[in-house]
Amino acid sequence: MSRIGNKVIQVPASVTVNISDANFVNVKGPKGELEFQFNEIIDIKLEGNEIKVSRPNNAIFTRKIHGTTRALLNNMVVGVSEGFKKQLEIKGVGYRAALEGRILNLSLGFSHPVLLDIPEGVTITLPKNTEITVEGYDKQVVGEFAAKIRSYRKPEPYLGKGIRYIDEYVPRKAGKTAK
């Protein structure tokens, strides 16, 4: 029995949810608008300010997508009402970030700067030139862009240099020792 799939999703007053017959869900809120086509096997019902997700049978495929459908719906509702945030920090001598309009400029020790176009619905803020905050209403886009930034210089275990999430633990290794 799916524990996550059976949880009820509370819809805030500032969010409107429209569910069509073919399980096409449109969610609008103060931060933005998201839409997604869910599998038609799953039953999605909006009752007042609650969304209930249920499955008609216990087939293996139906059980697999029950909890996933509920989690995706919850992420849509939370995203358009509160938004999502990922924070990254840059460690290393000369490593820094700068914003140039809708382009993120990263200096990461390469012979050239790394220029990244910021996707729609994502805002980047730089509290310091070594901290990057990625915010947006679509959890997938925010996480994907943060992972793309991190992929250019993953944290290495010997000196600790690279780009890491704020709450990420990077195990440190001892280097060579002199005899």
N, C-alpha and C. Protein backbone atom coordinates (compact mmCIF):
# COMPACT_ATOMS: atom_id res chain seq x y z
N MET A 1 0.84 -1.18 0.00
CA MET A 1 0.00 0.00 0.00
C MET A 1 0.88 1.24 0.00
N SER A 2 0.60 2.18 -0.89
CA SER A 2 1.41 3.38 -1.02
C SER A 2 1.07 4.36 0.09
N ARG A 3 2.05 4.67 0.92
CA ARG A 3 1.81 5.65 1.99
C ARG A 3 1.82 7.06 1.46
N ILE A 4 2.73 7.35 0.54
CA ILE A 4 2.79 8.70 -0.03
C ILE A 4 1.59 8.94 -0.93
N GLY A 5 1.23 7.96 -1.74
CA GLY A 5 0.11 8.13 -2.66
C GLY A 5 -1.22 8.37 -1.97
N ASN A 6 -1.37 7.88 -0.73
CA ASN A 6 -2.64 8.05 -0.01
C ASN A 6 -2.74 9.37 0.74
N LYS A 7 -1.64 10.12 0.86
CA LYS A 7 -1.69 11.41 1.56
C LYS A 7 -2.48 12.41 0.74
N VAL A 8 -3.23 13.25 1.43
CA VAL A 8 -4.04 14.28 0.78
C VAL A 8 -3.17 15.52 0.59
N ILE A 9 -3.31 16.18 -0.57
CA ILE A 9 -2.56 17.40 -0.86
C ILE A 9 -3.43 18.60 -0.51
N GLN A 10 -2.95 19.45 0.39
CA GLN A 10 -3.67 20.67 0.77
C GLN A 10 -3.34 21.77 -0.24
N VAL A 11 -4.37 22.39 -0.81
CA VAL A 11 -4.17 23.45 -1.79
C VAL A 11 -4.37 24.80 -1.10
N PRO A 12 -3.35 25.68 -1.09
CA PRO A 12 -3.50 27.00 -0.47
C PRO A 12 -4.55 27.84 -1.20
N ALA A 13 -5.03 28.88 -0.53
CA ALA A 13 -6.08 29.73 -1.10
C ALA A 13 -5.60 30.48 -2.34
N SER A 14 -4.31 30.77 -2.44
CA SER A 14 -3.78 31.54 -3.56
C SER A 14 -3.53 30.70 -4.81
N VAL A 15 -3.80 29.40 -4.73
CA VAL A 15 -3.51 28.48 -5.85
C VAL A 15 -4.82 27.97 -6.43
N THR A 16 -4.91 27.95 -7.76
CA THR A 16 -6.06 27.37 -8.43
C THR A 16 -5.61 26.13 -9.20
N VAL A 17 -6.40 25.07 -9.10
CA VAL A 17 -6.08 23.80 -9.75
C VAL A 17 -7.23 23.42 -10.67
N ASN A 18 -6.90 23.10 -11.94
CA ASN A 18 -7.89 22.64 -12.90
C ASN A 18 -7.48 21.24 -13.36
N ILE A 19 -8.40 20.28 -13.23
CA ILE A 19 -8.13 18.90 -13.64
C ILE A 19 -9.13 18.53 -14.72
N SER A 20 -8.63 18.15 -15.92
CA SER A 20 -9.53 17.76 -17.00
C SER A 20 -9.82 16.26 -16.90
N ASP A 21 -10.67 15.76 -17.80
CA ASP A 21 -11.06 14.36 -17.78
C ASP A 21 -9.89 13.43 -18.08
N ALA A 22 -8.95 13.88 -18.90
CA ALA A 22 -7.82 13.03 -19.29
C ALA A 22 -6.63 13.20 -18.35
N ASN A 23 -6.87 13.65 -17.13
CA ASN A 23 -5.84 13.87 -16.11
C ASN A 23 -4.79 14.90 -16.54
N PHE A 24 -5.21 15.90 -17.29
CA PHE A 24 -4.35 17.03 -17.62
C PHE A 24 -4.55 18.07 -16.52
N VAL A 25 -3.51 18.31 -15.73
CA VAL A 25 -3.62 19.18 -14.56
C VAL A 25 -2.92 20.50 -14.83
N ASN A 26 -3.61 21.60 -14.53
CA ASN A 26 -3.07 22.94 -14.65
C ASN A 26 -3.12 23.59 -13.28
N VAL A 27 -1.97 24.06 -12.80
CA VAL A 27 -1.88 24.67 -11.46
C VAL A 27 -1.35 26.09 -11.62
N LYS A 28 -2.12 27.08 -11.12
CA LYS A 28 -1.71 28.48 -11.18
C LYS A 28 -1.56 29.02 -9.77
N GLY A 29 -0.53 29.84 -9.58
CA GLY A 29 -0.30 30.44 -8.28
C GLY A 29 0.44 31.75 -8.42
N PRO A 30 0.80 32.37 -7.30
CA PRO A 30 1.48 33.67 -7.36
C PRO A 30 2.87 33.61 -7.99
N LYS A 31 3.55 32.47 -7.93
CA LYS A 31 4.91 32.35 -8.48
C LYS A 31 4.92 32.00 -9.97
N GLY A 32 3.87 31.34 -10.46
CA GLY A 32 3.86 30.94 -11.86
C GLY A 32 2.75 29.95 -12.16
N GLU A 33 2.88 29.30 -13.31
CA GLU A 33 1.87 28.33 -13.75
C GLU A 33 2.56 27.08 -14.28
N LEU A 34 2.05 25.91 -13.85
CA LEU A 34 2.59 24.63 -14.30
C LEU A 34 1.46 23.75 -14.82
N GLU A 35 1.77 22.91 -15.80
CA GLU A 35 0.79 21.95 -16.30
C GLU A 35 1.48 20.66 -16.64
N PHE A 36 0.74 19.57 -16.47
CA PHE A 36 1.31 18.24 -16.69
C PHE A 36 0.21 17.27 -17.04
N GLN A 37 0.53 16.33 -17.95
CA GLN A 37 -0.41 15.28 -18.34
C GLN A 37 -0.06 14.01 -17.57
N PHE A 38 -0.91 13.63 -16.61
CA PHE A 38 -0.68 12.42 -15.82
C PHE A 38 -1.33 11.23 -16.50
N ASN A 39 -0.94 10.02 -16.10
CA ASN A 39 -1.49 8.79 -16.65
C ASN A 39 -2.98 8.72 -16.32
N GLU A 40 -3.78 8.28 -17.28
CA GLU A 40 -5.23 8.25 -17.11
C GLU A 40 -5.71 7.13 -16.20
N ILE A 41 -4.84 6.19 -15.85
CA ILE A 41 -5.25 5.10 -14.95
C ILE A 41 -5.53 5.63 -13.55
N ILE A 42 -4.72 6.56 -13.09
CA ILE A 42 -4.84 7.11 -11.73
C ILE A 42 -6.01 8.08 -11.66
N ASP A 43 -6.76 8.02 -10.54
CA ASP A 43 -7.89 8.93 -10.32
C ASP A 43 -7.41 10.12 -9.51
N ILE A 44 -7.56 11.32 -10.07
CA ILE A 44 -7.20 12.56 -9.38
C ILE A 44 -8.47 13.36 -9.19
N LYS A 45 -8.79 13.64 -7.91
CA LYS A 45 -10.03 14.37 -7.61
C LYS A 45 -9.72 15.60 -6.76
N LEU A 46 -10.35 16.72 -7.11
CA LEU A 46 -10.24 17.95 -6.35
C LEU A 46 -11.52 18.13 -5.56
N GLU A 47 -11.41 18.08 -4.23
CA GLU A 47 -12.58 18.23 -3.36
C GLU A 47 -12.32 19.39 -2.42
N GLY A 48 -12.94 20.54 -2.72
CA GLY A 48 -12.72 21.74 -1.90
C GLY A 48 -11.30 22.23 -2.11
N ASN A 49 -10.53 22.25 -1.03
CA ASN A 49 -9.13 22.67 -1.14
C ASN A 49 -8.18 21.49 -0.92
N GLU A 50 -8.62 20.29 -1.28
CA GLU A 50 -7.81 19.08 -1.14
C GLU A 50 -7.79 18.31 -2.45
N ILE A 51 -6.62 17.76 -2.76
CA ILE A 51 -6.49 16.89 -3.93
C ILE A 51 -6.25 15.47 -3.41
N LYS A 52 -7.07 14.54 -3.90
CA LYS A 52 -6.92 13.14 -3.53
C LYS A 52 -6.53 12.32 -4.75
N VAL A 53 -5.51 11.49 -4.57
CA VAL A 53 -5.02 10.63 -5.64
C VAL A 53 -5.29 9.19 -5.23
N SER A 54 -5.97 8.45 -6.10
CA SER A 54 -6.26 7.05 -5.78
C SER A 54 -6.05 6.19 -7.02
N ARG A 55 -5.94 4.88 -6.79
CA ARG A 55 -5.76 3.96 -7.90
C ARG A 55 -6.93 2.98 -7.93
N PRO A 56 -7.35 2.56 -9.13
CA PRO A 56 -8.52 1.69 -9.23
C PRO A 56 -8.23 0.22 -8.92
N ASN A 57 -6.96 -0.21 -9.06
CA ASN A 57 -6.63 -1.62 -8.83
C ASN A 57 -5.23 -1.73 -8.26
N ASN A 58 -4.82 -2.95 -7.98
CA ASN A 58 -3.50 -3.19 -7.40
C ASN A 58 -2.53 -3.80 -8.40
N ALA A 59 -2.69 -3.49 -9.67
CA ALA A 59 -1.74 -3.97 -10.67
C ALA A 59 -0.37 -3.35 -10.39
N ILE A 60 0.67 -4.02 -10.79
CA ILE A 60 2.02 -3.56 -10.48
C ILE A 60 2.29 -2.16 -11.05
N PHE A 61 1.92 -1.93 -12.30
CA PHE A 61 2.16 -0.62 -12.91
C PHE A 61 1.38 0.47 -12.19
N THR A 62 0.15 0.19 -11.83
CA THR A 62 -0.69 1.17 -11.14
C THR A 62 -0.10 1.52 -9.78
N ARG A 63 0.39 0.53 -9.07
CA ARG A 63 1.02 0.79 -7.77
C ARG A 63 2.27 1.64 -7.93
N LYS A 64 3.04 1.40 -9.02
CA LYS A 64 4.28 2.15 -9.25
C LYS A 64 4.02 3.63 -9.45
N ILE A 65 2.99 3.97 -10.22
CA ILE A 65 2.78 5.38 -10.55
C ILE A 65 1.88 6.12 -9.56
N HIS A 66 1.29 5.41 -8.60
CA HIS A 66 0.40 6.04 -7.63
C HIS A 66 1.14 7.09 -6.80
N GLY A 67 2.20 6.70 -6.13
CA GLY A 67 2.96 7.62 -5.29
C GLY A 67 3.69 8.68 -6.10
N THR A 68 4.16 8.30 -7.29
CA THR A 68 4.85 9.26 -8.15
C THR A 68 3.91 10.37 -8.58
N THR A 69 2.70 10.01 -8.95
CA THR A 69 1.71 11.00 -9.37
C THR A 69 1.42 11.98 -8.25
N ARG A 70 1.23 11.47 -7.04
CA ARG A 70 0.95 12.33 -5.89
C ARG A 70 2.13 13.25 -5.60
N ALA A 71 3.35 12.73 -5.67
CA ALA A 71 4.54 13.54 -5.39
C ALA A 71 4.71 14.65 -6.42
N LEU A 72 4.48 14.34 -7.69
CA LEU A 72 4.59 15.35 -8.74
C LEU A 72 3.53 16.44 -8.57
N LEU A 73 2.31 16.03 -8.23
CA LEU A 73 1.23 17.00 -8.00
C LEU A 73 1.56 17.90 -6.81
N ASN A 74 2.08 17.33 -5.74
CA ASN A 74 2.44 18.11 -4.56
C ASN A 74 3.55 19.11 -4.91
N ASN A 75 4.54 18.68 -5.69
CA ASN A 75 5.61 19.58 -6.11
C ASN A 75 5.09 20.73 -6.95
N MET A 76 4.07 20.47 -7.77
CA MET A 76 3.47 21.53 -8.57
C MET A 76 2.80 22.56 -7.68
N VAL A 77 2.02 22.09 -6.69
CA VAL A 77 1.29 23.00 -5.79
C VAL A 77 2.26 23.80 -4.93
N VAL A 78 3.27 23.14 -4.37
CA VAL A 78 4.26 23.83 -3.54
C VAL A 78 5.06 24.82 -4.38
N GLY A 79 5.40 24.44 -5.60
CA GLY A 79 6.20 25.29 -6.47
C GLY A 79 5.54 26.60 -6.83
N VAL A 80 4.26 26.57 -7.21
CA VAL A 80 3.60 27.80 -7.60
C VAL A 80 3.19 28.65 -6.41
N SER A 81 3.17 28.07 -5.20
CA SER A 81 2.81 28.86 -4.03
C SER A 81 4.04 29.36 -3.27
N GLU A 82 5.04 28.50 -3.04
CA GLU A 82 6.22 28.88 -2.26
C GLU A 82 7.48 28.95 -3.10
N GLY A 83 7.63 28.08 -4.07
CA GLY A 83 8.83 28.02 -4.89
C GLY A 83 9.87 27.10 -4.29
N PHE A 84 10.92 26.84 -5.06
CA PHE A 84 12.02 25.97 -4.63
C PHE A 84 13.32 26.73 -4.71
N LYS A 85 14.29 26.32 -3.89
CA LYS A 85 15.57 27.02 -3.82
C LYS A 85 16.70 26.02 -3.63
N LYS A 86 17.78 26.22 -4.36
CA LYS A 86 19.01 25.46 -4.19
C LYS A 86 20.14 26.47 -4.01
N GLN A 87 20.99 26.21 -3.02
CA GLN A 87 22.10 27.10 -2.75
C GLN A 87 23.41 26.37 -2.99
N LEU A 88 24.32 27.02 -3.72
CA LEU A 88 25.61 26.45 -4.03
C LEU A 88 26.70 27.39 -3.52
N GLU A 89 27.84 26.81 -3.16
CA GLU A 89 28.98 27.65 -2.79
C GLU A 89 30.18 27.22 -3.61
N ILE A 90 31.01 28.20 -3.94
CA ILE A 90 32.19 27.97 -4.76
C ILE A 90 33.41 28.09 -3.85
N LYS A 91 34.26 27.06 -3.85
CA LYS A 91 35.49 27.09 -3.05
C LYS A 91 36.67 26.90 -3.98
N GLY A 92 37.65 27.76 -3.82
CA GLY A 92 38.86 27.66 -4.63
C GLY A 92 39.42 29.04 -4.89
N VAL A 93 40.73 29.14 -4.98
CA VAL A 93 41.38 30.43 -5.21
C VAL A 93 41.05 30.92 -6.61
N GLY A 94 40.49 32.11 -6.70
CA GLY A 94 40.14 32.71 -7.99
C GLY A 94 38.82 32.23 -8.57
N TYR A 95 38.13 31.31 -7.90
CA TYR A 95 36.83 30.83 -8.39
C TYR A 95 35.77 31.84 -7.97
N ARG A 96 34.93 32.27 -8.90
CA ARG A 96 33.87 33.23 -8.57
C ARG A 96 32.78 33.19 -9.63
N ALA A 97 31.66 33.83 -9.29
CA ALA A 97 30.52 33.90 -10.21
C ALA A 97 30.09 35.35 -10.36
N ALA A 98 29.51 35.68 -11.51
CA ALA A 98 29.00 37.02 -11.77
C ALA A 98 27.77 36.90 -12.68
N LEU A 99 26.84 37.84 -12.53
CA LEU A 99 25.65 37.87 -13.37
C LEU A 99 25.81 38.95 -14.43
N GLU A 100 25.48 38.63 -15.66
CA GLU A 100 25.50 39.59 -16.76
C GLU A 100 24.16 39.47 -17.48
N GLY A 101 23.13 40.14 -16.96
CA GLY A 101 21.79 40.03 -17.52
C GLY A 101 21.21 38.66 -17.22
N ARG A 102 20.87 37.90 -18.27
CA ARG A 102 20.34 36.54 -18.10
C ARG A 102 21.42 35.48 -18.36
N ILE A 103 22.68 35.87 -18.13
CA ILE A 103 23.80 34.94 -18.32
C ILE A 103 24.59 34.87 -17.03
N LEU A 104 24.89 33.65 -16.58
CA LEU A 104 25.72 33.42 -15.40
C LEU A 104 27.15 33.18 -15.87
N ASN A 105 28.08 34.01 -15.39
CA ASN A 105 29.48 33.94 -15.77
C ASN A 105 30.25 33.30 -14.63
N LEU A 106 30.84 32.13 -14.86
CA LEU A 106 31.60 31.42 -13.84
C LEU A 106 33.08 31.41 -14.20
N SER A 107 33.93 31.84 -13.26
CA SER A 107 35.38 31.74 -13.42
C SER A 107 35.82 30.58 -12.54
N LEU A 108 36.21 29.47 -13.16
CA LEU A 108 36.49 28.25 -12.41
C LEU A 108 37.88 27.68 -12.68
N GLY A 109 38.83 28.55 -13.03
CA GLY A 109 40.19 28.08 -13.24
C GLY A 109 40.47 27.55 -14.63
N PHE A 110 39.49 27.61 -15.53
CA PHE A 110 39.73 27.22 -16.91
C PHE A 110 40.39 28.40 -17.63
N SER A 111 40.83 28.19 -18.85
CA SER A 111 41.42 29.26 -19.64
C SER A 111 40.36 30.22 -20.17
N HIS A 112 39.10 29.86 -20.00
CA HIS A 112 37.99 30.66 -20.50
C HIS A 112 36.90 30.71 -19.43
N PRO A 113 36.05 31.75 -19.43
CA PRO A 113 34.93 31.75 -18.49
C PRO A 113 33.83 30.81 -18.97
N VAL A 114 33.08 30.25 -18.02
CA VAL A 114 31.95 29.39 -18.35
C VAL A 114 30.70 30.27 -18.35
N LEU A 115 30.03 30.39 -19.49
CA LEU A 115 28.83 31.23 -19.62
C LEU A 115 27.61 30.33 -19.73
N LEU A 116 26.65 30.51 -18.82
CA LEU A 116 25.44 29.69 -18.81
C LEU A 116 24.21 30.58 -18.98
N ASP A 117 23.34 30.23 -19.94
CA ASP A 117 22.07 30.93 -20.09
C ASP A 117 21.13 30.46 -19.00
N ILE A 118 20.49 31.42 -18.31
CA ILE A 118 19.56 31.09 -17.23
C ILE A 118 18.22 30.73 -17.85
N PRO A 119 17.66 29.55 -17.54
CA PRO A 119 16.38 29.14 -18.14
C PRO A 119 15.21 30.00 -17.65
N GLU A 120 14.11 29.96 -18.41
CA GLU A 120 12.90 30.69 -18.04
C GLU A 120 12.34 30.16 -16.73
N GLY A 121 11.84 31.03 -15.90
CA GLY A 121 11.25 30.63 -14.63
C GLY A 121 12.26 30.44 -13.52
N VAL A 122 13.55 30.68 -13.80
CA VAL A 122 14.60 30.53 -12.80
C VAL A 122 15.23 31.89 -12.55
N THR A 123 15.43 32.23 -11.28
CA THR A 123 16.14 33.45 -10.94
C THR A 123 17.41 33.07 -10.18
N ILE A 124 18.48 33.78 -10.48
CA ILE A 124 19.77 33.55 -9.85
C ILE A 124 20.10 34.79 -9.03
N THR A 125 20.50 34.58 -7.77
CA THR A 125 21.00 35.69 -6.96
C THR A 125 22.37 35.30 -6.43
N LEU A 126 23.21 36.30 -6.28
CA LEU A 126 24.56 36.09 -5.79
C LEU A 126 24.76 36.92 -4.52
N PRO A 127 24.51 36.35 -3.31
CA PRO A 127 24.75 37.09 -2.08
C PRO A 127 26.22 37.51 -1.95
N LYS A 128 27.14 36.64 -2.37
CA LYS A 128 28.58 36.93 -2.47
C LYS A 128 29.01 36.41 -3.83
N ASN A 129 30.21 36.75 -4.25
CA ASN A 129 30.64 36.23 -5.55
C ASN A 129 31.06 34.76 -5.49
N THR A 130 30.96 34.15 -4.29
CA THR A 130 31.24 32.73 -4.16
C THR A 130 30.01 31.94 -3.72
N GLU A 131 28.85 32.56 -3.73
CA GLU A 131 27.60 31.87 -3.39
C GLU A 131 26.59 32.11 -4.49
N ILE A 132 25.89 31.05 -4.87
CA ILE A 132 24.88 31.12 -5.92
C ILE A 132 23.58 30.57 -5.36
N THR A 133 22.49 31.31 -5.52
CA THR A 133 21.17 30.83 -5.12
C THR A 133 20.31 30.69 -6.37
N VAL A 134 19.81 29.48 -6.62
CA VAL A 134 18.96 29.19 -7.76
C VAL A 134 17.54 29.04 -7.24
N GLU A 135 16.60 29.88 -7.71
CA GLU A 135 15.21 29.84 -7.25
C GLU A 135 14.28 29.75 -8.44
N GLY A 136 13.13 29.08 -8.22
CA GLY A 136 12.13 28.98 -9.26
C GLY A 136 10.92 28.21 -8.77
N TYR A 137 9.91 28.10 -9.63
CA TYR A 137 8.66 27.43 -9.24
C TYR A 137 8.58 25.99 -9.75
N ASP A 138 9.46 25.59 -10.67
CA ASP A 138 9.47 24.22 -11.17
C ASP A 138 10.65 23.48 -10.55
N LYS A 139 10.36 22.50 -9.69
CA LYS A 139 11.40 21.79 -8.95
C LYS A 139 12.40 21.12 -9.88
N GLN A 140 11.93 20.55 -10.97
CA GLN A 140 12.81 19.85 -11.89
C GLN A 140 13.79 20.81 -12.55
N VAL A 141 13.32 21.95 -13.01
CA VAL A 141 14.18 22.91 -13.69
C VAL A 141 15.21 23.50 -12.73
N VAL A 142 14.79 23.81 -11.49
CA VAL A 142 15.71 24.37 -10.49
C VAL A 142 16.81 23.36 -10.16
N GLY A 143 16.43 22.11 -9.89
CA GLY A 143 17.41 21.09 -9.56
C GLY A 143 18.34 20.78 -10.72
N GLU A 144 17.79 20.76 -11.92
CA GLU A 144 18.59 20.46 -13.10
C GLU A 144 19.63 21.55 -13.37
N PHE A 145 19.22 22.83 -13.22
CA PHE A 145 20.15 23.93 -13.48
C PHE A 145 21.23 23.99 -12.39
N ALA A 146 20.84 23.73 -11.14
CA ALA A 146 21.83 23.70 -10.05
C ALA A 146 22.84 22.57 -10.28
N ALA A 147 22.37 21.42 -10.74
CA ALA A 147 23.26 20.29 -11.02
C ALA A 147 24.17 20.60 -12.20
N LYS A 148 23.67 21.35 -13.18
CA LYS A 148 24.49 21.73 -14.34
C LYS A 148 25.61 22.67 -13.90
N ILE A 149 25.29 23.64 -13.02
CA ILE A 149 26.32 24.54 -12.50
C ILE A 149 27.37 23.74 -11.76
N ARG A 150 26.94 22.82 -10.91
CA ARG A 150 27.85 22.01 -10.08
C ARG A 150 28.72 21.11 -10.95
N SER A 151 28.21 20.67 -12.09
CA SER A 151 28.94 19.71 -12.92
C SER A 151 30.22 20.28 -13.54
N TYR A 152 30.34 21.61 -13.61
CA TYR A 152 31.54 22.19 -14.21
C TYR A 152 32.76 22.04 -13.31
N ARG A 153 32.60 22.03 -11.99
CA ARG A 153 33.71 21.78 -11.07
C ARG A 153 33.15 21.07 -9.85
N LYS A 154 33.04 19.76 -9.92
CA LYS A 154 32.57 19.00 -8.76
C LYS A 154 33.59 19.12 -7.64
N PRO A 155 33.15 19.09 -6.38
CA PRO A 155 34.11 19.21 -5.27
C PRO A 155 35.05 18.02 -5.24
N GLU A 156 36.33 18.32 -5.11
CA GLU A 156 37.31 17.24 -5.07
C GLU A 156 37.76 16.99 -3.63
N PRO A 157 38.13 15.75 -3.32
CA PRO A 157 38.34 15.37 -1.92
C PRO A 157 39.68 15.79 -1.29
N TYR A 158 40.66 16.20 -2.09
CA TYR A 158 41.98 16.48 -1.52
C TYR A 158 42.11 17.92 -1.02
N LEU A 159 41.75 18.90 -1.85
CA LEU A 159 41.83 20.30 -1.42
C LEU A 159 40.46 20.89 -1.10
N GLY A 160 39.39 20.21 -1.49
CA GLY A 160 38.04 20.71 -1.22
C GLY A 160 37.58 21.76 -2.21
N LYS A 161 38.32 21.96 -3.29
CA LYS A 161 37.95 22.97 -4.28
C LYS A 161 36.78 22.48 -5.12
N GLY A 162 36.01 23.42 -5.65
CA GLY A 162 34.92 23.08 -6.55
C GLY A 162 33.62 23.74 -6.14
N ILE A 163 32.55 23.33 -6.79
CA ILE A 163 31.22 23.87 -6.50
C ILE A 163 30.44 22.79 -5.77
N ARG A 164 29.87 23.15 -4.63
CA ARG A 164 29.11 22.19 -3.83
C ARG A 164 27.82 22.84 -3.36
N TYR A 165 26.84 22.00 -3.00
CA TYR A 165 25.63 22.50 -2.36
C TYR A 165 26.00 22.95 -0.95
N ILE A 166 25.25 23.91 -0.41
CA ILE A 166 25.56 24.46 0.91
C ILE A 166 25.56 23.36 1.98
N ASP A 167 24.59 22.46 1.93
CA ASP A 167 24.47 21.42 2.96
C ASP A 167 25.19 20.12 2.59
N GLU A 168 26.00 20.13 1.54
CA GLU A 168 26.66 18.92 1.07
C GLU A 168 27.92 18.63 1.88
N TYR A 169 28.10 17.38 2.22
CA TYR A 169 29.30 16.95 2.92
C TYR A 169 30.25 16.33 1.91
N VAL A 170 31.48 16.85 1.85
CA VAL A 170 32.48 16.30 0.95
C VAL A 170 33.55 15.64 1.81
N PRO A 171 33.69 14.31 1.76
CA PRO A 171 34.71 13.64 2.57
C PRO A 171 36.10 14.06 2.10
N ARG A 172 36.96 14.36 3.04
CA ARG A 172 38.32 14.81 2.71
C ARG A 172 39.28 13.63 2.83
N LYS A 173 40.26 13.58 1.94
CA LYS A 173 41.27 12.53 1.95
C LYS A 173 42.61 13.15 2.28
N ALA A 174 43.48 12.37 2.86
CA ALA A 174 44.84 12.83 3.14
C ALA A 174 45.65 12.75 1.86
N GLY A 175 46.50 13.73 1.65
CA GLY A 175 47.37 13.73 0.47
C GLY A 175 48.60 12.90 0.72
N LYS A 176 49.58 13.06 -0.14
CA LYS A 176 50.84 12.32 0.01
C LYS A 176 51.58 12.85 1.25
N THR A 177 52.30 11.98 1.90
CA THR A 177 53.10 12.40 3.05
C THR A 177 54.58 12.25 2.70
N ALA A 178 55.40 13.15 3.24
CA ALA A 178 56.85 13.09 3.00
C ALA A 178 57.48 12.04 3.91
N LYS A 179 58.50 11.38 3.42
CA LYS A 179 59.15 10.35 4.22
C LYS A 179 60.36 10.88 4.92
